[in-house]
Protein backbone atom coordinates (compact mmCIF):
# COMPACT_ATOMS: atom_id res chain seq x y z
CA MET A 1 -1.18 -2.48 -30.67
CA PRO A 2 2.50 -3.21 -31.49
CA SER A 3 3.56 -6.68 -32.53
CA PRO A 4 4.56 -8.87 -29.56
CA PRO A 5 8.36 -8.93 -29.17
CA LYS A 6 10.06 -12.31 -29.51
CA GLN A 7 13.36 -11.46 -27.83
CA PRO A 8 14.77 -9.07 -25.22
CA TYR A 9 15.40 -5.52 -26.40
CA THR A 10 15.94 -1.91 -25.42
CA VAL A 11 14.14 0.63 -27.57
CA GLY A 12 16.55 3.04 -29.23
CA SER A 13 19.71 1.04 -28.58
CA PRO A 14 21.71 0.21 -31.70
CA ALA A 15 23.15 -2.84 -29.92
CA PRO A 16 21.27 -6.08 -29.14
CA PHE A 17 20.14 -6.34 -25.53
CA ASP A 18 21.56 -9.40 -23.75
CA PRO A 19 20.00 -9.55 -20.25
CA GLU A 20 22.19 -12.44 -19.08
CA ALA A 21 25.35 -10.57 -20.06
CA PHE A 22 23.95 -7.38 -18.49
CA LEU A 23 23.37 -9.09 -15.14
CA SER A 24 26.57 -11.15 -15.17
CA SER A 25 28.76 -8.12 -15.83
CA TRP A 26 26.87 -5.74 -13.55
CA THR A 27 28.83 -3.89 -10.85
CA ALA A 28 27.93 -0.92 -8.70
CA ASP A 29 30.55 1.07 -10.65
CA ALA A 30 27.86 1.51 -13.32
CA LEU A 31 25.71 3.61 -10.97
CA PRO A 32 25.48 7.38 -11.48
CA GLN A 33 28.65 9.31 -10.78
CA GLY A 34 28.06 12.78 -9.40
CA ASN A 35 24.29 12.12 -9.56
CA ASP A 36 24.44 11.88 -13.35
CA LEU A 37 21.62 9.38 -13.88
CA ARG A 38 21.32 10.26 -17.56
CA SER A 39 24.85 9.17 -18.40
CA SER A 40 24.54 6.04 -16.28
CA ILE A 41 21.39 4.84 -18.08
CA ILE A 42 22.83 5.68 -21.49
CA LYS A 43 25.98 3.69 -20.75
CA ALA A 44 24.23 0.74 -19.08
CA PHE A 45 21.68 0.25 -21.88
CA LYS A 46 23.97 1.34 -24.73
CA LEU A 47 21.79 4.26 -25.80
CA PRO A 48 22.87 7.03 -28.17
CA PRO A 49 24.28 10.14 -26.43
CA SER A 50 21.52 12.25 -27.98
CA ASP A 51 18.73 10.02 -26.62
CA LYS A 52 15.29 11.69 -26.73
CA TYR A 53 13.06 8.74 -25.81
CA VAL A 54 9.90 9.76 -23.91
CA TYR A 55 9.37 7.72 -20.75
CA ARG A 56 5.64 7.54 -20.09
CA ALA A 57 4.20 6.59 -16.70
CA THR A 58 2.23 8.95 -14.46
CA ALA A 59 4.18 11.67 -16.29
CA GLU A 60 6.13 11.97 -19.53
CA VAL A 61 9.84 12.73 -19.29
CA THR A 62 13.06 12.42 -21.27
CA LEU A 63 16.45 11.66 -19.74
CA ASP A 64 17.38 15.33 -20.22
CA GLN A 65 14.32 16.42 -18.23
CA VAL A 66 14.98 13.87 -15.51
CA GLN A 67 18.56 15.04 -15.14
CA HIS A 68 17.37 18.65 -15.00
CA ALA A 69 14.99 17.76 -12.15
CA ILE A 70 17.75 15.91 -10.29
CA GLY A 71 19.82 19.09 -10.49
CA PHE A 72 17.27 20.96 -8.35
CA GLY A 73 17.77 18.57 -5.43
CA GLY A 74 15.10 19.18 -2.81
CA LYS A 75 14.11 22.64 -4.06
CA HIS A 76 10.50 23.39 -5.02
CA GLY A 77 9.26 20.55 -2.80
CA LEU A 78 10.76 17.86 -5.04
CA HIS A 79 11.86 15.92 -1.95
CA GLY A 80 8.82 16.70 0.17
CA TRP A 81 8.23 13.16 1.41
CA TYR A 82 7.95 13.95 5.10
CA VAL A 83 5.77 16.62 6.70
CA ASP A 84 5.02 17.49 10.32
CA GLU A 85 1.60 17.72 11.97
CA GLU A 86 1.15 21.21 10.54
CA GLY A 87 1.86 20.04 7.01
CA LYS A 88 5.29 21.68 6.87
CA GLN A 89 8.13 19.85 5.15
CA MET A 90 10.54 18.26 7.61
CA PRO A 91 14.34 18.42 7.31
CA PRO A 92 15.80 15.61 5.18
CA PRO A 93 16.97 12.47 6.97
CA PRO A 94 20.69 11.97 7.66
CA ASP A 95 22.57 9.96 5.07
CA ALA A 96 23.35 7.32 7.70
CA ASP A 97 19.62 6.73 8.24
CA ILE A 98 19.07 6.31 4.49
CA THR A 99 21.86 3.73 4.37
CA ALA A 100 20.36 1.91 7.34
CA TYR A 101 17.04 1.73 5.47
CA THR A 102 18.44 0.51 2.15
CA THR A 103 20.59 -2.07 3.97
CA ILE A 104 17.42 -3.85 5.14
CA PHE A 105 16.88 -5.13 1.60
CA SER A 106 20.46 -5.99 0.73
CA PRO A 107 21.06 -9.69 -0.03
CA SER A 108 24.20 -9.47 2.09
CA THR A 109 22.27 -8.72 5.31
CA SER A 110 19.65 -10.45 7.41
CA THR A 111 16.38 -8.52 7.12
CA ALA A 112 15.38 -9.15 10.73
CA SER A 113 18.79 -8.04 12.03
CA ALA A 114 18.86 -4.95 9.80
CA LEU A 115 15.38 -3.97 10.99
CA ARG A 116 16.44 -4.32 14.60
CA ALA A 117 19.51 -2.19 13.92
CA LEU A 118 17.33 0.46 12.28
CA ALA A 119 15.21 0.65 15.41
CA SER A 120 17.86 0.25 18.09
CA ASN A 121 20.03 3.06 16.75
CA ALA A 122 17.13 5.51 16.32
CA LYS A 123 16.56 8.48 18.58
CA LYS A 124 13.19 8.60 20.30
CA ASP A 125 10.47 10.30 18.21
CA SER A 126 12.83 10.60 15.23
CA LEU A 127 11.92 9.92 11.62
CA ARG A 128 14.19 6.88 11.71
CA ALA A 129 12.26 5.51 14.71
CA ALA A 130 8.97 6.06 12.89
CA VAL A 131 10.22 4.22 9.78
CA ALA A 132 11.49 1.31 11.87
CA ALA A 133 8.24 1.03 13.83
CA HIS A 134 6.19 1.16 10.62
CA LEU A 135 8.20 -1.55 8.88
CA GLN A 136 8.32 -3.80 11.93
CA SER A 137 4.56 -3.50 12.42
CA HIS A 138 3.98 -4.70 8.85
CA LEU A 139 6.46 -7.59 8.88
CA TYR A 140 4.46 -10.77 9.33
CA LEU A 141 5.33 -14.46 9.06
CA ALA A 142 2.62 -16.84 10.25
CA ALA A 143 3.32 -19.95 12.25
CA ALA A 144 2.23 -23.20 10.63
CA SER A 145 -1.18 -24.51 11.65
CA PRO A 146 -3.11 -27.71 10.82
CA ARG A 147 -5.18 -25.84 8.22
CA THR A 148 -2.23 -23.94 6.69
CA PRO A 149 0.81 -26.18 7.26
CA VAL A 150 3.40 -23.90 5.72
CA THR A 151 6.27 -22.22 7.54
CA LEU A 152 8.10 -19.52 5.62
CA THR A 153 11.38 -18.07 6.80
CA LEU A 154 13.41 -15.11 5.68
CA PRO A 155 16.83 -16.11 4.36
CA ASN A 156 20.09 -15.23 6.02
CA LYS A 157 22.53 -13.13 4.05
CA ARG A 158 23.63 -14.68 0.78
CA LYS A 159 27.37 -15.23 0.36
CA GLN A 160 27.18 -14.78 -3.42
CA PRO A 161 24.19 -12.52 -4.09
CA LEU A 162 22.41 -12.74 -7.42
CA PRO A 163 23.08 -9.60 -9.47
CA ASN A 164 20.19 -7.16 -9.07
CA PRO A 165 20.92 -3.79 -10.68
CA TYR A 166 17.44 -2.56 -9.85
CA TYR A 167 18.21 -2.79 -6.14
CA ASP A 168 21.42 -0.84 -6.67
CA TYR A 169 19.68 1.90 -8.66
CA TRP A 170 16.91 2.04 -6.07
CA ALA A 171 19.40 2.45 -3.21
CA TRP A 172 21.10 5.23 -5.18
CA SER A 173 17.73 6.94 -5.65
CA CYS A 174 17.01 6.86 -1.91
CA HIS A 175 20.16 8.85 -1.22
CA ASN A 176 19.63 11.20 -4.14
CA LEU A 177 15.98 11.89 -3.24
CA GLU A 178 16.61 12.01 0.53
CA TRP A 179 14.26 9.14 1.31
CA SER A 180 14.72 6.89 4.35
CA GLY A 181 11.59 4.77 4.12
CA PRO A 182 7.81 4.89 4.54
CA VAL A 183 5.87 5.99 7.61
CA PRO A 184 2.10 5.90 8.25
CA SER A 185 1.60 9.34 6.69
CA THR A 186 3.16 8.12 3.43
CA ALA A 187 -0.32 6.87 2.51
CA ALA A 188 -1.30 10.50 1.94
CA THR A 189 1.74 11.37 -0.21
CA LYS A 190 0.63 12.62 -3.63
CA ILE A 191 3.99 13.49 -5.21
CA SER A 192 6.56 11.31 -6.93
CA HIS A 193 9.78 12.12 -8.78
CA HIS A 194 10.89 12.30 -12.40
CA VAL A 195 13.28 9.37 -11.97
CA LEU A 196 10.47 6.87 -11.50
CA PRO A 197 9.34 6.56 -15.15
CA VAL A 198 12.95 5.81 -16.13
CA PHE A 199 13.26 3.00 -13.59
CA TYR A 200 9.79 1.67 -14.38
CA HIS A 201 10.54 1.48 -18.12
CA HIS A 202 13.88 -0.26 -17.72
CA PHE A 203 13.23 -2.51 -14.70
CA GLY A 204 9.55 -2.54 -13.70
CA CYS A 205 7.40 -0.99 -10.98
CA VAL A 206 8.85 -2.56 -7.83
CA VAL A 207 12.22 -4.03 -6.90
CA PRO A 208 12.50 -7.81 -6.38
CA THR A 209 14.63 -8.76 -3.40
CA TRP A 210 16.45 -11.85 -2.19
CA ASP A 211 13.69 -12.20 0.43
CA ALA A 212 11.06 -12.30 -2.33
CA LEU A 213 12.99 -14.82 -4.42
CA ALA A 214 13.68 -17.06 -1.42
CA LEU A 215 10.07 -17.04 -0.22
CA LEU A 216 8.87 -18.04 -3.68
CA GLN A 217 11.49 -20.81 -3.71
CA GLN A 218 10.04 -22.13 -0.45
CA LEU A 219 6.48 -22.01 -1.80
CA ALA A 220 7.51 -23.86 -4.95
CA LEU A 221 8.75 -26.79 -2.85
CA HIS A 222 5.81 -26.85 -0.44
CA ALA A 223 3.35 -29.76 -0.41
CA PRO A 224 4.72 -31.83 -3.31
CA PRO A 225 2.39 -34.32 -5.01
CA GLN A 226 2.09 -37.64 -3.19
CA PRO A 227 3.69 -39.94 -3.95
CA LYS A 228 6.38 -37.42 -4.80
CA PRO A 229 7.54 -37.92 -8.40
CA LYS A 230 11.24 -38.63 -8.76
CA GLY A 231 13.09 -35.45 -9.69
CA TRP A 232 10.08 -33.22 -8.94
CA PRO A 233 11.27 -29.71 -9.92
CA GLY A 234 8.88 -27.87 -7.64
CA ARG A 235 5.73 -25.95 -8.40
CA ALA A 236 5.90 -23.49 -11.29
CA VAL A 237 5.13 -19.77 -11.03
CA LEU A 238 2.52 -18.10 -13.24
CA GLU A 239 3.08 -14.34 -13.37
CA ILE A 240 0.02 -12.50 -14.69
CA GLY A 241 0.81 -8.94 -15.78
CA SER A 242 4.51 -9.74 -16.10
CA GLY A 243 5.40 -6.44 -17.76
CA ASN A 244 8.94 -6.36 -19.04
CA GLY A 245 9.90 -9.66 -17.39
CA TYR A 246 12.51 -8.44 -14.89
CA TRP A 247 10.92 -10.35 -11.98
CA ALA A 248 10.48 -13.43 -14.18
CA LEU A 249 14.14 -13.38 -15.20
CA LEU A 250 15.44 -13.05 -11.63
CA LEU A 251 13.11 -15.83 -10.47
CA ARG A 252 14.44 -18.07 -13.23
CA ARG A 253 18.00 -17.25 -12.25
CA ALA A 254 17.04 -18.35 -8.72
CA GLY A 255 16.02 -21.73 -10.13
CA LEU A 256 12.25 -21.31 -10.49
CA ARG A 257 10.14 -22.18 -13.50
CA VAL A 258 8.12 -19.14 -14.59
CA THR A 259 5.44 -18.58 -17.21
CA ALA A 260 5.09 -14.85 -17.89
CA VAL A 261 1.73 -13.59 -19.20
CA ASP A 262 1.02 -10.00 -20.21
CA ASN A 263 -1.61 -8.22 -22.32
CA LEU A 264 0.89 -5.82 -23.93
CA HIS A 265 -1.11 -2.76 -22.88
CA SER A 266 1.83 -1.09 -21.13
CA GLU A 267 4.91 0.31 -22.86
CA TRP A 268 8.37 -0.78 -21.74
CA ARG A 269 11.69 0.50 -22.98
CA SER A 270 13.58 -2.64 -21.95
CA MET A 271 12.26 -6.22 -22.21
CA TRP A 272 14.22 -8.77 -20.18
CA ILE A 273 12.75 -11.99 -21.55
CA GLY A 274 11.65 -13.09 -25.01
CA ASP A 275 9.07 -15.75 -24.24
CA THR A 276 6.27 -13.73 -22.66
CA VAL A 277 2.84 -15.15 -23.47
CA TYR A 278 0.85 -12.21 -24.78
CA ALA A 279 -2.72 -12.84 -23.71
CA ASP A 280 -5.51 -11.58 -21.47
CA GLY A 281 -4.65 -12.87 -18.00
CA ILE A 282 -8.19 -13.83 -17.02
CA GLN A 283 -8.76 -15.70 -20.26
CA PHE A 284 -5.39 -17.45 -19.90
CA LEU A 285 -6.40 -18.69 -16.46
CA LYS A 286 -9.76 -19.93 -17.68
CA GLN A 287 -8.14 -21.74 -20.61
CA ASN A 288 -5.55 -23.40 -18.38
CA GLY A 289 -7.64 -24.88 -15.60
CA GLY A 290 -7.31 -21.84 -13.36
CA ALA A 291 -3.58 -22.62 -12.96
CA ARG A 292 -4.57 -25.14 -10.31
CA ASP A 293 -1.04 -26.51 -9.83
CA GLU A 294 0.89 -23.23 -10.03
CA ILE A 295 1.79 -20.30 -7.82
CA LEU A 296 0.03 -17.12 -8.95
CA LEU A 297 2.27 -14.04 -8.91
CA LEU A 298 0.98 -10.49 -9.39
CA VAL A 299 3.58 -7.72 -9.41
CA TYR A 300 2.13 -4.23 -9.03
CA PRO A 301 -1.31 -5.28 -10.30
CA GLN A 302 -3.36 -2.50 -11.85
CA VAL A 303 -6.32 -0.95 -10.06
CA GLY A 304 -8.61 -0.20 -13.00
CA ALA A 305 -11.39 -2.40 -14.40
CA ASP A 306 -11.27 -4.67 -11.34
CA PHE A 307 -8.27 -6.40 -12.94
CA THR A 308 -6.89 -7.73 -9.66
CA GLY A 309 -10.23 -9.02 -8.42
CA LYS A 310 -10.99 -10.78 -11.71
CA VAL A 311 -7.60 -12.52 -11.76
CA LEU A 312 -7.89 -13.67 -8.15
CA ARG A 313 -11.39 -15.03 -8.74
CA ALA A 314 -10.26 -16.92 -11.87
CA TYR A 315 -7.30 -18.56 -10.10
CA GLU A 316 -8.02 -22.05 -8.75
CA GLY A 317 -4.67 -22.91 -7.19
CA ASP A 318 -3.49 -22.72 -3.59
CA TYR A 319 -0.75 -20.06 -3.56
CA ILE A 320 -1.12 -16.32 -4.24
CA VAL A 321 1.82 -13.89 -4.13
CA VAL A 322 1.32 -10.15 -4.65
CA ALA A 323 3.99 -7.45 -4.75
CA GLY A 324 2.39 -4.06 -4.25
CA THR A 325 1.10 -1.37 -1.96
CA GLN A 326 0.68 -2.06 1.77
CA ASN A 327 -1.10 1.20 2.58
CA HIS A 328 -4.28 2.83 1.30
CA ASN A 329 -2.83 5.06 -1.42
CA GLY A 330 -4.61 3.03 -4.12
CA TYR A 331 -1.59 2.59 -6.41
CA THR A 332 -2.02 -1.17 -6.81
CA GLY A 333 -4.69 -3.81 -6.49
CA PHE A 334 -7.68 -1.92 -5.17
CA GLN A 335 -8.56 1.76 -4.91
CA THR A 336 -9.67 1.90 -1.28
CA GLU A 337 -8.25 -1.19 0.42
CA THR A 338 -5.13 -3.31 0.59
CA ILE A 339 -4.82 -6.72 -1.00
CA ALA A 340 -4.86 -8.25 2.50
CA GLU A 341 -8.17 -6.59 3.35
CA TRP A 342 -9.75 -7.68 0.06
CA MET A 343 -8.55 -11.27 0.47
CA ALA A 344 -9.86 -11.46 4.05
CA ARG A 345 -13.33 -10.54 2.82
CA GLU A 346 -13.54 -12.09 -0.66
CA LYS A 347 -11.30 -15.17 -0.40
CA LYS A 348 -11.93 -16.52 3.08
CA ASP A 349 -10.52 -19.89 2.10
CA PHE A 350 -7.05 -18.30 1.93
CA GLU A 351 -4.87 -17.24 4.84
CA ARG A 352 -2.22 -14.55 4.78
CA VAL A 353 0.99 -16.33 5.76
CA ALA A 354 3.52 -13.58 5.01
CA GLN A 355 3.78 -9.85 4.53
CA VAL A 356 7.35 -8.68 4.02
CA PRO A 357 8.40 -5.10 3.19
CA LEU A 358 9.90 -4.49 -0.24
CA PRO A 359 12.13 -1.59 -1.27
CA SER A 360 9.84 1.43 -1.49
CA PHE A 361 10.56 4.28 -3.85
CA ALA A 362 10.29 7.79 -2.44
CA GLY A 363 6.69 8.41 -1.43
CA LYS A 364 5.65 4.74 -1.73
CA ASP A 365 5.09 1.87 0.71
CA GLU A 366 5.47 -1.61 -0.82
CA ALA A 367 5.42 -5.19 0.43
CA LEU A 368 5.25 -8.81 -0.69
CA PHE A 369 2.04 -10.57 0.38
CA ILE A 370 1.67 -14.36 0.40
CA PHE A 371 -1.63 -16.19 0.82
CA VAL A 372 -2.11 -19.96 1.06
CA ARG A 373 -5.40 -21.83 0.70
CA ARG A 374 -6.55 -23.42 3.96
CA ARG A 375 -6.98 -27.16 4.12
CA GLU A 376 -10.35 -28.65 4.91
CA ALA A 377 -10.90 -29.00 8.64
C-alpha cells in the first residue's frame, strides 16, 4: 500500500497541484476543442505532452487510447446506449435534447423547471419523453411529518455558481457520446466508454451538483441542539469512502465542515484535499461513537464485501446521504437492490425524504438519496 498523501497532487505532473487555484481560474474554455479530450486534460492538469499514465477502473486506458476511441464516434457500438424492443441500436438523440438534459443539472437553472421543459417539449413516444418521464418518476421530496419534521427544497438557480469543472466535462461527454439521459432500460446496459476512467481518476465517480450541495446545507442546519449554542456552525459531514476528495472540497467551498475518511484501496490520479483520514470506515465509526452527531455521506459506495451495509449498520446518527445508482444495475451499494430498498427493509427507523437525480454518465442512472431517522411516536 502506498504512503498516505499529505497534500493535493496529480500523478505525473511536474507542477504542484493547487485545487483552489484550479477551481478559481476554471472556465469552460478549458474544455476539449474539436473533441480533443487528451489535450484538454493535459493542459488542465499540467501533464507532460508525452503522458503515458494508465487509468485503471473497469478497464485500463491511456489518454492516447481514450482519444483513439473518441475518434471512432458511435462506430462499433461505442455509443449503443439506447436500443429498441428488438435489441437494435436506436438513432442518436438530437443535440438539442442532450442540451435539455444537461441543463437540468446546471446551477444556473431550476431543476424542477428544467425537468418540466424537458417533458413539455418532447414528442410523444420519443426518447426525450422517456428520459423526462423516468427522471420525473424518480424525483422525490417528502413533506414534513411529525415523525420526520424535515422539509428539503431544491434551490433556485444560483446567480454566482460555484466552479464545478466536473459538471462541465460531464456535459461535454454527453454531447460527445450522444447521451441524453437514462431510461428504464438503462438498468440492463452493460457497456461504458473509455472516457470514464479518466474522469473517475481526476474527479471521482459521480458529479456533485448545486442541488446536492444545497440539500446537504439544509440537513446541516436541521434540528440544532437545544438550547442552540451561540454561533452553532451546523452539523458536520462525515464522508466514508471519500476517494480523491472532490466532493469534500466542493462541500467545504459551500460552507460545510467535512471529515473525509478513506481506506486508500483505490488509485486516484488527482487528489483534491490533503487532510483525508486514512482508515477503515467501519472501524472509524466504531471508534468515534458511530458519528452520532454528524451527517453520513457515501459517494458511490462499493458493492463488494457488504461494505455499504456494514457502514450503515455502524452509523448511529440521524442523517444518511448516498450518491449512487437508482436502478438495479448493481454498480453501487448492493448487487441486487437499490439503497432505498435496502434501507426500507434493514433500517426501518429511517425514512427516505429525498431522491434527486444526479448527472448520469452514458449508460448510468444516478441519484442522491437522503434518509432521516424517524422520531419516537
